[in-house]
Amino acid sequence: MTTVALGLVKEVAIAARAPRFLYLHWPFGHALGEPGNVAQQRTILHDMLSMAMIAQRPGVVIDLPYRWRRETYGSVGDWKTPSAAVTSALRSPA
């Protein structure tokens, strides 16, 4: 079963050898986003599902580009299409 970890401490996930890992530099307790910000939370869930669908190998770590409380999030239009953030990160050299 493909798994994706979402975390706020990159070093811990790397040390624990998370299978596929999305990192956000956000406050503790808010891995999915701000309370009540549904568009933000759905974006992060979409990124996680995208990572599960398209990451070719275990051990991949992606720093998501979002900044806490400085982004505007649109609705996820198509859940079957991989997210731009994950697709872009997997294309760029590590």
PDB file of N, CA and C in Angstrom:
ATOM      1  N   MET A   1       0.839  -1.157   0.000  1.00  0.00           N
ATOM      2  CA  MET A   1       0.000   0.000   0.000  1.00  0.00           C
ATOM      3  C   MET A   1       0.900   1.241   0.000  1.00  0.00           C
ATOM      4  N   THR A   2       0.647   2.155  -0.890  1.00  0.00           N
ATOM      5  CA  THR A   2       1.392   3.402  -0.948  1.00  0.00           C
ATOM      6  C   THR A   2       0.987   4.301   0.198  1.00  0.00           C
ATOM      7  N   THR A   3       1.972   4.867   0.873  1.00  0.00           N
ATOM      8  CA  THR A   3       1.691   5.782   1.964  1.00  0.00           C
ATOM      9  C   THR A   3       2.416   7.098   1.740  1.00  0.00           C
ATOM     10  N   VAL A   4       1.819   8.160   2.248  1.00  0.00           N
ATOM     11  CA  VAL A   4       2.395   9.496   2.171  1.00  0.00           C
ATOM     12  C   VAL A   4       2.308  10.103   3.570  1.00  0.00           C
ATOM     13  N   ALA A   5       3.432  10.613   4.051  1.00  0.00           N
ATOM     14  CA  ALA A   5       3.464  11.295   5.340  1.00  0.00           C
ATOM     15  C   ALA A   5       3.419  12.797   5.101  1.00  0.00           C
ATOM     16  N   LEU A   6       2.771  13.490   5.992  1.00  0.00           N
ATOM     17  CA  LEU A   6       2.712  14.945   5.956  1.00  0.00           C
ATOM     18  C   LEU A   6       3.254  15.426   7.290  1.00  0.00           C
ATOM     19  N   GLY A   7       4.240  16.289   7.247  1.00  0.00           N
ATOM     20  CA  GLY A   7       4.832  16.697   8.505  1.00  0.00           C
ATOM     21  C   GLY A   7       5.349  18.107   8.518  1.00  0.00           C
ATOM     22  N   LEU A   8       5.653  18.521   9.724  1.00  0.00           N
ATOM     23  CA  LEU A   8       6.115  19.879   9.963  1.00  0.00           C
ATOM     24  C   LEU A   8       7.574  19.919  10.413  1.00  0.00           C
ATOM     25  N   VAL A   9       8.183  18.759  10.621  1.00  0.00           N
ATOM     26  CA  VAL A   9       9.601  18.680  10.994  1.00  0.00           C
ATOM     27  C   VAL A   9      10.284  17.748   9.996  1.00  0.00           C
ATOM     28  N   LYS A  10      10.935  18.345   9.034  1.00  0.00           N
ATOM     29  CA  LYS A  10      11.543  17.593   7.944  1.00  0.00           C
ATOM     30  C   LYS A  10      12.610  16.602   8.442  1.00  0.00           C
ATOM     31  N   GLU A  11      13.433  17.017   9.370  1.00  0.00           N
ATOM     32  CA  GLU A  11      14.523  16.172   9.854  1.00  0.00           C
ATOM     33  C   GLU A  11      14.010  14.892  10.509  1.00  0.00           C
ATOM     34  N   VAL A  12      12.892  14.982  11.220  1.00  0.00           N
ATOM     35  CA  VAL A  12      12.314  13.811  11.878  1.00  0.00           C
ATOM     36  C   VAL A  12      11.811  12.816  10.835  1.00  0.00           C
ATOM     37  N   ALA A  13      11.137  13.302   9.822  1.00  0.00           N
ATOM     38  CA  ALA A  13      10.617  12.409   8.783  1.00  0.00           C
ATOM     39  C   ALA A  13      11.747  11.733   8.016  1.00  0.00           C
ATOM     40  N   ILE A  14      12.809  12.475   7.743  1.00  0.00           N
ATOM     41  CA  ILE A  14      13.948  11.889   7.037  1.00  0.00           C
ATOM     42  C   ILE A  14      14.605  10.823   7.916  1.00  0.00           C
ATOM     43  N   ALA A  15      14.781  11.115   9.189  1.00  0.00           N
ATOM     44  CA  ALA A  15      15.384  10.151  10.109  1.00  0.00           C
ATOM     45  C   ALA A  15      14.508   8.909  10.276  1.00  0.00           C
ATOM     46  N   ALA A  16      13.190   9.085  10.234  1.00  0.00           N
ATOM     47  CA  ALA A  16      12.263   7.961  10.383  1.00  0.00           C
ATOM     48  C   ALA A  16      12.066   7.203   9.076  1.00  0.00           C
ATOM     49  N   ARG A  17      12.665   7.711   8.018  1.00  0.00           N
ATOM     50  CA  ARG A  17      12.561   7.100   6.686  1.00  0.00           C
ATOM     51  C   ARG A  17      11.108   7.000   6.222  1.00  0.00           C
ATOM     52  N   ALA A  18      10.446   8.122   6.276  1.00  0.00           N
ATOM     53  CA  ALA A  18       9.066   8.166   5.782  1.00  0.00           C
ATOM     54  C   ALA A  18       9.066   7.740   4.315  1.00  0.00           C
ATOM     55  N   PRO A  19       8.086   6.963   3.889  1.00  0.00           N
ATOM     56  CA  PRO A  19       8.079   6.426   2.520  1.00  0.00           C
ATOM     57  C   PRO A  19       8.006   7.515   1.444  1.00  0.00           C
ATOM     58  N   ARG A  20       7.062   8.362   1.555  1.00  0.00           N
ATOM     59  CA  ARG A  20       6.902   9.530   0.676  1.00  0.00           C
ATOM     60  C   ARG A  20       6.469  10.636   1.615  1.00  0.00           C
ATOM     61  N   PHE A  21       7.130  11.774   1.530  1.00  0.00           N
ATOM     62  CA  PHE A  21       6.944  12.768   2.568  1.00  0.00           C
ATOM     63  C   PHE A  21       6.733  14.156   1.994  1.00  0.00           C
ATOM     64  N   LEU A  22       5.676  14.810   2.442  1.00  0.00           N
ATOM     65  CA  LEU A  22       5.417  16.203   2.101  1.00  0.00           C
ATOM     66  C   LEU A  22       5.707  17.045   3.330  1.00  0.00           C
ATOM     67  N   TYR A  23       6.507  18.088   3.139  1.00  0.00           N
ATOM     68  CA  TYR A  23       6.915  18.950   4.240  1.00  0.00           C
ATOM     69  C   TYR A  23       6.304  20.336   4.083  1.00  0.00           C
ATOM     70  N   LEU A  24       5.770  20.849   5.171  1.00  0.00           N
ATOM     71  CA  LEU A  24       5.243  22.214   5.227  1.00  0.00           C
ATOM     72  C   LEU A  24       5.901  22.947   6.381  1.00  0.00           C
ATOM     73  N   HIS A  25       6.350  24.134   6.131  1.00  0.00           N
ATOM     74  CA  HIS A  25       6.931  24.953   7.200  1.00  0.00           C
ATOM     75  C   HIS A  25       5.806  25.786   7.799  1.00  0.00           C
ATOM     76  N   TRP A  26       4.947  25.100   8.561  1.00  0.00           N
ATOM     77  CA  TRP A  26       3.781  25.711   9.177  1.00  0.00           C
ATOM     78  C   TRP A  26       3.834  25.471  10.679  1.00  0.00           C
ATOM     79  N   PRO A  27       3.018  26.178  11.457  1.00  0.00           N
ATOM     80  CA  PRO A  27       3.009  25.997  12.919  1.00  0.00           C
ATOM     81  C   PRO A  27       2.569  24.585  13.322  1.00  0.00           C
ATOM     82  N   PHE A  28       3.121  24.110  14.427  1.00  0.00           N
ATOM     83  CA  PHE A  28       2.727  22.794  14.936  1.00  0.00           C
ATOM     84  C   PHE A  28       1.226  22.747  15.195  1.00  0.00           C
ATOM     85  N   GLY A  29       0.646  21.601  14.900  1.00  0.00           N
ATOM     86  CA  GLY A  29      -0.778  21.413  15.108  1.00  0.00           C
ATOM     87  C   GLY A  29      -1.625  21.826  13.919  1.00  0.00           C
ATOM     88  N   HIS A  30      -0.986  22.306  12.856  1.00  0.00           N
ATOM     89  CA  HIS A  30      -1.738  22.797  11.696  1.00  0.00           C
ATOM     90  C   HIS A  30      -1.233  22.184  10.391  1.00  0.00           C
ATOM     91  N   ALA A  31      -0.965  20.894  10.400  1.00  0.00           N
ATOM     92  CA  ALA A  31      -0.406  20.250   9.218  1.00  0.00           C
ATOM     93  C   ALA A  31      -1.315  20.367   7.994  1.00  0.00           C
ATOM     94  N   LEU A  32      -2.615  20.332   8.199  1.00  0.00           N
ATOM     95  CA  LEU A  32      -3.535  20.465   7.065  1.00  0.00           C
ATOM     96  C   LEU A  32      -3.943  21.909   6.798  1.00  0.00           C
ATOM     97  N   GLY A  33      -3.550  22.816   7.646  1.00  0.00           N
ATOM     98  CA  GLY A  33      -3.857  24.219   7.395  1.00  0.00           C
ATOM     99  C   GLY A  33      -4.604  24.889   8.523  1.00  0.00           C
ATOM    100  N   GLU A  34      -5.030  26.096   8.229  1.00  0.00           N
ATOM    101  CA  GLU A  34      -5.720  26.915   9.214  1.00  0.00           C
ATOM    102  C   GLU A  34      -7.122  26.374   9.500  1.00  0.00           C
ATOM    103  N   PRO A  35      -7.582  26.463  10.746  1.00  0.00           N
ATOM    104  CA  PRO A  35      -8.947  26.049  11.068  1.00  0.00           C
ATOM    105  C   PRO A  35      -9.960  26.818  10.223  1.00  0.00           C
ATOM    106  N   GLY A  36     -10.865  26.096   9.621  1.00  0.00           N
ATOM    107  CA  GLY A  36     -11.918  26.709   8.828  1.00  0.00           C
ATOM    108  C   GLY A  36     -11.537  27.069   7.403  1.00  0.00           C
ATOM    109  N   ASN A  37     -10.277  26.926   7.031  1.00  0.00           N
ATOM    110  CA  ASN A  37      -9.853  27.257   5.667  1.00  0.00           C
ATOM    111  C   ASN A  37      -9.954  25.995   4.807  1.00  0.00           C
ATOM    112  N   VAL A  38     -11.150  25.725   4.360  1.00  0.00           N
ATOM    113  CA  VAL A  38     -11.447  24.481   3.646  1.00  0.00           C
ATOM    114  C   VAL A  38     -10.663  24.372   2.345  1.00  0.00           C
ATOM    115  N   ALA A  39     -10.530  25.450   1.602  1.00  0.00           N
ATOM    116  CA  ALA A  39      -9.796  25.415   0.330  1.00  0.00           C
ATOM    117  C   ALA A  39      -8.325  25.054   0.580  1.00  0.00           C
ATOM    118  N   GLN A  40      -7.752  25.605   1.614  1.00  0.00           N
ATOM    119  CA  GLN A  40      -6.362  25.302   1.964  1.00  0.00           C
ATOM    120  C   GLN A  40      -6.227  23.827   2.340  1.00  0.00           C
ATOM    121  N   GLN A  41      -7.116  23.342   3.171  1.00  0.00           N
ATOM    122  CA  GLN A  41      -7.060  21.958   3.620  1.00  0.00           C
ATOM    123  C   GLN A  41      -7.257  20.988   2.464  1.00  0.00           C
ATOM    124  N   ARG A  42      -8.158  21.296   1.565  1.00  0.00           N
ATOM    125  CA  ARG A  42      -8.367  20.429   0.393  1.00  0.00           C
ATOM    126  C   ARG A  42      -7.165  20.448  -0.533  1.00  0.00           C
ATOM    127  N   THR A  43      -6.501  21.582  -0.632  1.00  0.00           N
ATOM    128  CA  THR A  43      -5.292  21.656  -1.452  1.00  0.00           C
ATOM    129  C   THR A  43      -4.222  20.719  -0.910  1.00  0.00           C
ATOM    130  N   ILE A  44      -4.039  20.703   0.398  1.00  0.00           N
ATOM    131  CA  ILE A  44      -3.034  19.830   1.000  1.00  0.00           C
ATOM    132  C   ILE A  44      -3.424  18.361   0.823  1.00  0.00           C
ATOM    133  N   LEU A  45      -4.689  18.038   1.005  1.00  0.00           N
ATOM    134  CA  LEU A  45      -5.149  16.659   0.758  1.00  0.00           C
ATOM    135  C   LEU A  45      -4.934  16.260  -0.695  1.00  0.00           C
ATOM    136  N   HIS A  46      -5.193  17.176  -1.609  1.00  0.00           N
ATOM    137  CA  HIS A  46      -4.963  16.908  -3.029  1.00  0.00           C
ATOM    138  C   HIS A  46      -3.481  16.664  -3.294  1.00  0.00           C
ATOM    139  N   ASP A  47      -2.615  17.446  -2.656  1.00  0.00           N
ATOM    140  CA  ASP A  47      -1.176  17.235  -2.802  1.00  0.00           C
ATOM    141  C   ASP A  47      -0.770  15.854  -2.291  1.00  0.00           C
ATOM    142  N   MET A  48      -1.346  15.437  -1.171  1.00  0.00           N
ATOM    143  CA  MET A  48      -1.019  14.118  -0.619  1.00  0.00           C
ATOM    144  C   MET A  48      -1.459  12.995  -1.556  1.00  0.00           C
ATOM    145  N   LEU A  49      -2.666  13.101  -2.078  1.00  0.00           N
ATOM    146  CA  LEU A  49      -3.149  12.082  -3.016  1.00  0.00           C
ATOM    147  C   LEU A  49      -2.333  12.084  -4.297  1.00  0.00           C
ATOM    148  N   SER A  50      -1.938  13.255  -4.745  1.00  0.00           N
ATOM    149  CA  SER A  50      -1.107  13.359  -5.952  1.00  0.00           C
ATOM    150  C   SER A  50       0.235  12.674  -5.737  1.00  0.00           C
ATOM    151  N   MET A  51       0.828  12.907  -4.581  1.00  0.00           N
ATOM    152  CA  MET A  51       2.099  12.272  -4.250  1.00  0.00           C
ATOM    153  C   MET A  51       1.961  10.757  -4.270  1.00  0.00           C
ATOM    154  N   ALA A  52       0.876  10.253  -3.717  1.00  0.00           N
ATOM    155  CA  ALA A  52       0.643   8.803  -3.709  1.00  0.00           C
ATOM    156  C   ALA A  52       0.490   8.261  -5.128  1.00  0.00           C
ATOM    157  N   MET A  53      -0.128   9.048  -6.003  1.00  0.00           N
ATOM    158  CA  MET A  53      -0.365   8.589  -7.372  1.00  0.00           C
ATOM    159  C   MET A  53       0.884   8.622  -8.243  1.00  0.00           C
ATOM    160  N   ILE A  54       1.713   9.658  -8.114  1.00  0.00           N
ATOM    161  CA  ILE A  54       2.751   9.852  -9.130  1.00  0.00           C
ATOM    162  C   ILE A  54       4.188   9.724  -8.647  1.00  0.00           C
ATOM    163  N   ALA A  55       4.438   9.642  -7.347  1.00  0.00           N
ATOM    164  CA  ALA A  55       5.821   9.449  -6.884  1.00  0.00           C
ATOM    165  C   ALA A  55       6.274   8.059  -7.302  1.00  0.00           C
ATOM    166  N   GLN A  56       7.334   7.990  -8.042  1.00  0.00           N
ATOM    167  CA  GLN A  56       7.779   6.730  -8.636  1.00  0.00           C
ATOM    168  C   GLN A  56       8.467   5.785  -7.653  1.00  0.00           C
ATOM    169  N   ARG A  57       8.979   6.327  -6.566  1.00  0.00           N
ATOM    170  CA  ARG A  57       9.754   5.484  -5.653  1.00  0.00           C
ATOM    171  C   ARG A  57       9.575   5.964  -4.216  1.00  0.00           C
ATOM    172  N   PRO A  58       9.808   5.076  -3.267  1.00  0.00           N
ATOM    173  CA  PRO A  58       9.789   5.488  -1.869  1.00  0.00           C
ATOM    174  C   PRO A  58      10.990   6.379  -1.557  1.00  0.00           C
ATOM    175  N   GLY A  59      10.905   7.126  -0.473  1.00  0.00           N
ATOM    176  CA  GLY A  59      12.009   7.961  -0.041  1.00  0.00           C
ATOM    177  C   GLY A  59      11.997   9.373  -0.591  1.00  0.00           C
ATOM    178  N   VAL A  60      10.955   9.721  -1.325  1.00  0.00           N
ATOM    179  CA  VAL A  60      10.856  11.053  -1.917  1.00  0.00           C
ATOM    180  C   VAL A  60      10.398  12.048  -0.851  1.00  0.00           C
ATOM    181  N   VAL A  61      11.070  13.189  -0.800  1.00  0.00           N
ATOM    182  CA  VAL A  61      10.709  14.269   0.116  1.00  0.00           C
ATOM    183  C   VAL A  61      10.446  15.521  -0.718  1.00  0.00           C
ATOM    184  N   ILE A  62       9.286  16.120  -0.515  1.00  0.00           N
ATOM    185  CA  ILE A  62       8.926  17.343  -1.235  1.00  0.00           C
ATOM    186  C   ILE A  62       8.620  18.442  -0.232  1.00  0.00           C
ATOM    187  N   ASP A  63       9.255  19.583  -0.433  1.00  0.00           N
ATOM    188  CA  ASP A  63       8.911  20.786   0.326  1.00  0.00           C
ATOM    189  C   ASP A  63       7.788  21.481  -0.429  1.00  0.00           C
ATOM    190  N   LEU A  64       6.608  21.520   0.147  1.00  0.00           N
ATOM    191  CA  LEU A  64       5.504  22.206  -0.511  1.00  0.00           C
ATOM    192  C   LEU A  64       5.753  23.718  -0.467  1.00  0.00           C
ATOM    193  N   PRO A  65       5.354  24.430  -1.508  1.00  0.00           N
ATOM    194  CA  PRO A  65       5.723  25.844  -1.641  1.00  0.00           C
ATOM    195  C   PRO A  65       4.853  26.831  -0.872  1.00  0.00           C
ATOM    196  N   TYR A  66       3.895  26.358  -0.117  1.00  0.00           N
ATOM    197  CA  TYR A  66       2.923  27.259   0.506  1.00  0.00           C
ATOM    198  C   TYR A  66       3.498  27.971   1.729  1.00  0.00           C
ATOM    199  N   ARG A  67       3.122  29.207   1.884  1.00  0.00           N
ATOM    200  CA  ARG A  67       3.552  30.014   3.027  1.00  0.00           C
ATOM    201  C   ARG A  67       2.351  30.222   3.950  1.00  0.00           C
ATOM    202  N   TRP A  68       2.572  30.080   5.229  1.00  0.00           N
ATOM    203  CA  TRP A  68       1.502  30.184   6.214  1.00  0.00           C
ATOM    204  C   TRP A  68       0.834  31.547   6.142  1.00  0.00           C
ATOM    205  N   ARG A  69      -0.463  31.540   5.946  1.00  0.00           N
ATOM    206  CA  ARG A  69      -1.311  32.735   5.927  1.00  0.00           C
ATOM    207  C   ARG A  69      -0.918  33.779   4.889  1.00  0.00           C
ATOM    208  N   ARG A  70      -0.219  33.363   3.842  1.00  0.00           N
ATOM    209  CA  ARG A  70       0.142  34.301   2.783  1.00  0.00           C
ATOM    210  C   ARG A  70      -0.214  33.769   1.404  1.00  0.00           C
ATOM    211  N   GLU A  71      -1.132  32.845   1.347  1.00  0.00           N
ATOM    212  CA  GLU A  71      -1.541  32.233   0.087  1.00  0.00           C
ATOM    213  C   GLU A  71      -3.050  32.321  -0.063  1.00  0.00           C
ATOM    214  N   THR A  72      -3.477  32.341  -1.293  1.00  0.00           N
ATOM    215  CA  THR A  72      -4.895  32.232  -1.601  1.00  0.00           C
ATOM    216  C   THR A  72      -5.085  30.895  -2.303  1.00  0.00           C
ATOM    217  N   TYR A  73      -6.027  30.120  -1.840  1.00  0.00           N
ATOM    218  CA  TYR A  73      -6.245  28.776  -2.367  1.00  0.00           C
ATOM    219  C   TYR A  73      -7.562  28.718  -3.112  1.00  0.00           C
ATOM    220  N   GLY A  74      -7.512  28.206  -4.331  1.00  0.00           N
ATOM    221  CA  GLY A  74      -8.729  27.994  -5.091  1.00  0.00           C
ATOM    222  C   GLY A  74      -9.283  26.615  -4.788  1.00  0.00           C
ATOM    223  N   SER A  75     -10.425  26.323  -5.331  1.00  0.00           N
ATOM    224  CA  SER A  75     -10.999  24.992  -5.115  1.00  0.00           C
ATOM    225  C   SER A  75     -10.263  23.973  -5.984  1.00  0.00           C
ATOM    226  N   VAL A  76     -10.242  22.740  -5.530  1.00  0.00           N
ATOM    227  CA  VAL A  76      -9.649  21.662  -6.310  1.00  0.00           C
ATOM    228  C   VAL A  76     -10.675  21.278  -7.367  1.00  0.00           C
ATOM    229  N   GLY A  77     -10.335  21.510  -8.622  1.00  0.00           N
ATOM    230  CA  GLY A  77     -11.285  21.267  -9.706  1.00  0.00           C
ATOM    231  C   GLY A  77     -11.407  19.802 -10.083  1.00  0.00           C
ATOM    232  N   ASP A  78     -10.285  19.112 -10.139  1.00  0.00           N
ATOM    233  CA  ASP A  78     -10.278  17.723 -10.587  1.00  0.00           C
ATOM    234  C   ASP A  78      -9.351  16.924  -9.682  1.00  0.00           C
ATOM    235  N   TRP A  79      -9.913  16.073  -8.866  1.00  0.00           N
ATOM    236  CA  TRP A  79      -9.125  15.297  -7.913  1.00  0.00           C
ATOM    237  C   TRP A  79      -8.295  14.214  -8.592  1.00  0.00           C
ATOM    238  N   LYS A  80      -8.599  13.885  -9.848  1.00  0.00           N
ATOM    239  CA  LYS A  80      -7.848  12.845 -10.559  1.00  0.00           C
ATOM    240  C   LYS A  80      -6.595  13.393 -11.226  1.00  0.00           C
ATOM    241  N   THR A  81      -6.529  14.690 -11.424  1.00  0.00           N
ATOM    242  CA  THR A  81      -5.362  15.323 -12.025  1.00  0.00           C
ATOM    243  C   THR A  81      -4.371  15.671 -10.914  1.00  0.00           C
ATOM    244  N   PRO A  82      -3.114  15.237 -11.050  1.00  0.00           N
ATOM    245  CA  PRO A  82      -2.131  15.538 -10.011  1.00  0.00           C
ATOM    246  C   PRO A  82      -1.953  17.038  -9.794  1.00  0.00           C
ATOM    247  N   SER A  83      -1.660  17.416  -8.575  1.00  0.00           N
ATOM    248  CA  SER A  83      -1.501  18.831  -8.242  1.00  0.00           C
ATOM    249  C   SER A  83      -0.253  19.406  -8.901  1.00  0.00           C
ATOM    250  N   ALA A  84      -0.325  20.672  -9.229  1.00  0.00           N
ATOM    251  CA  ALA A  84       0.801  21.359  -9.865  1.00  0.00           C
ATOM    252  C   ALA A  84       2.003  21.426  -8.927  1.00  0.00           C
ATOM    253  N   ALA A  85       1.769  21.619  -7.632  1.00  0.00           N
ATOM    254  CA  ALA A  85       2.873  21.723  -6.673  1.00  0.00           C
ATOM    255  C   ALA A  85       3.687  20.432  -6.621  1.00  0.00           C
ATOM    256  N   VAL A  86       3.023  19.302  -6.579  1.00  0.00           N
ATOM    257  CA  VAL A  86       3.719  18.018  -6.501  1.00  0.00           C
ATOM    258  C   VAL A  86       4.364  17.680  -7.838  1.00  0.00           C
ATOM    259  N   THR A  87       3.657  17.881  -8.922  1.00  0.00           N
ATOM    260  CA  THR A  87       4.201  17.605 -10.244  1.00  0.00           C
ATOM    261  C   THR A  87       5.467  18.416 -10.502  1.00  0.00           C
ATOM    262  N   SER A  88       5.416  19.681 -10.167  1.00  0.00           N
ATOM    263  CA  SER A  88       6.578  20.563 -10.356  1.00  0.00           C
ATOM    264  C   SER A  88       7.757  20.119  -9.493  1.00  0.00           C
ATOM    265  N   ALA A  89       7.505  19.778  -8.250  1.00  0.00           N
ATOM    266  CA  ALA A  89       8.571  19.366  -7.342  1.00  0.00           C
ATOM    267  C   ALA A  89       9.218  18.055  -7.797  1.00  0.00           C
ATOM    268  N   LEU A  90       8.433  17.142  -8.324  1.00  0.00           N
ATOM    269  CA  LEU A  90       9.001  15.853  -8.777  1.00  0.00           C
ATOM    270  C   LEU A  90       9.806  16.013 -10.061  1.00  0.00           C
ATOM    271  N   ARG A  91       9.508  17.029 -10.852  1.00  0.00           N
ATOM    272  CA  ARG A  91      10.256  17.282 -12.082  1.00  0.00           C
ATOM    273  C   ARG A  91      11.594  17.956 -11.824  1.00  0.00           C
ATOM    274  N   SER A  92      11.659  18.792 -10.795  1.00  0.00           N
ATOM    275  CA  SER A  92      12.895  19.539 -10.533  1.00  0.00           C
ATOM    276  C   SER A  92      13.923  18.635  -9.874  1.00  0.00           C
ATOM    277  N   PRO A  93      15.208  18.862 -10.166  1.00  0.00           N
ATOM    278  CA  PRO A  93      16.252  18.025  -9.568  1.00  0.00           C
ATOM    279  C   PRO A  93      16.317  18.225  -8.055  1.00  0.00           C
ATOM    280  N   ALA A  94      16.573  17.174  -7.351  1.00  0.00           N
ATOM    281  CA  ALA A  94      16.613  17.218  -5.880  1.00  0.00           C
ATOM    282  C   ALA A  94      17.857  17.901  -5.379  1.00  0.00           C
TER     283      ALA A  94
END
